Amino acid sequence: MALFEEFLTVATHTWPPPAKFEAHLLIGPFDGIWDIHLRQNWVLLLRFRTGTVTFLRMGTHAELGL
C-alpha cells in the first residue's frame, strides 16, 4: 500500500508521473487508459481526464488481461 500512497502523492503534483512508474497509455480495447507500474508486475489502471483521476483496477498483468 505504501507504493500506491507514494504514487498518489507524486501524481497529485506531477502528470505524467516520473519514469520509475513506467506510465504509458494503452491502446486497443484499453484505449485512453493509463498503465502505471507500482512494481514490476503490479499494475494500476486509471483514466485521467481534465484534472480528474478515475482508478479502474489494480493487479498483475495476467489478472488484468494485459
Protein backbone atom coordinates (compact mmCIF):
# COMPACT_ATOMS: atom_id res chain seq x y z
CA MET A 1 0.00 0.00 0.00
CA ALA A 2 2.96 2.32 0.55
CA LEU A 3 3.75 2.34 -3.19
CA PHE A 4 0.16 3.31 -4.01
CA GLU A 5 0.30 6.14 -1.47
CA GLU A 6 3.63 7.28 -2.93
CA PHE A 7 2.10 7.29 -6.40
CA LEU A 8 -0.88 9.33 -5.17
CA THR A 9 1.40 11.91 -3.60
CA VAL A 10 3.53 12.25 -6.74
CA ALA A 11 0.60 12.20 -9.20
CA THR A 12 -1.13 14.98 -7.27
CA HIS A 13 1.70 17.31 -8.29
CA THR A 14 3.18 15.79 -11.46
CA TRP A 15 1.50 14.40 -14.55
CA PRO A 16 2.57 12.22 -16.17
CA PRO A 17 4.29 10.63 -13.16
CA PRO A 18 8.07 10.09 -13.02
CA ALA A 19 9.72 7.39 -15.15
CA LYS A 20 10.02 4.98 -12.20
CA PHE A 21 6.28 4.29 -12.55
CA GLU A 22 6.63 3.39 -16.27
CA ALA A 23 3.37 5.21 -17.00
CA HIS A 24 2.02 4.74 -20.51
CA LEU A 25 -1.27 4.92 -22.34
CA LEU A 26 -2.78 1.67 -23.53
CA ILE A 27 -4.35 1.10 -26.95
CA GLY A 28 -6.98 -1.19 -28.40
CA PRO A 29 -9.79 -2.15 -26.02
CA PHE A 30 -7.99 -0.22 -23.25
CA ASP A 31 -7.57 2.95 -25.35
CA GLY A 32 -7.18 6.05 -23.19
CA ILE A 33 -6.37 4.10 -20.02
CA TRP A 34 -3.06 4.65 -18.24
CA ASP A 35 -0.98 1.65 -17.15
CA ILE A 36 1.05 2.59 -14.05
CA HIS A 37 3.64 0.15 -12.68
CA LEU A 38 3.78 0.25 -8.89
CA ARG A 39 6.08 -2.80 -9.03
CA GLN A 40 7.41 -4.86 -11.92
CA ASN A 41 4.24 -6.95 -12.18
CA TRP A 42 1.81 -4.91 -10.06
CA VAL A 43 -0.14 -2.52 -12.23
CA LEU A 44 -2.66 0.24 -11.61
CA LEU A 45 -5.09 1.09 -14.41
CA LEU A 46 -6.59 4.56 -14.39
CA ARG A 47 -8.19 7.18 -16.56
CA PHE A 48 -7.03 10.81 -16.35
CA ARG A 49 -9.31 13.49 -17.79
CA THR A 50 -9.30 17.22 -17.18
CA GLY A 51 -7.83 17.06 -13.69
CA THR A 52 -9.89 14.04 -12.62
CA VAL A 53 -8.39 10.62 -12.00
CA THR A 54 -10.62 7.54 -12.07
CA PHE A 55 -9.00 4.42 -10.64
CA LEU A 56 -10.21 1.38 -12.55
CA ARG A 57 -8.31 -1.75 -11.44
CA MET A 58 -5.12 -2.91 -9.78
CA GLY A 59 -3.38 -6.28 -10.07
CA THR A 60 -0.84 -8.30 -12.03
CA HIS A 61 -0.68 -8.15 -15.82
CA ALA A 62 -2.30 -11.60 -16.01
CA GLU A 63 -5.14 -10.65 -13.64
CA LEU A 64 -5.87 -7.54 -15.69
CA GLY A 65 -5.67 -9.31 -19.04
CA LEU A 66 -2.69 -7.29 -20.28
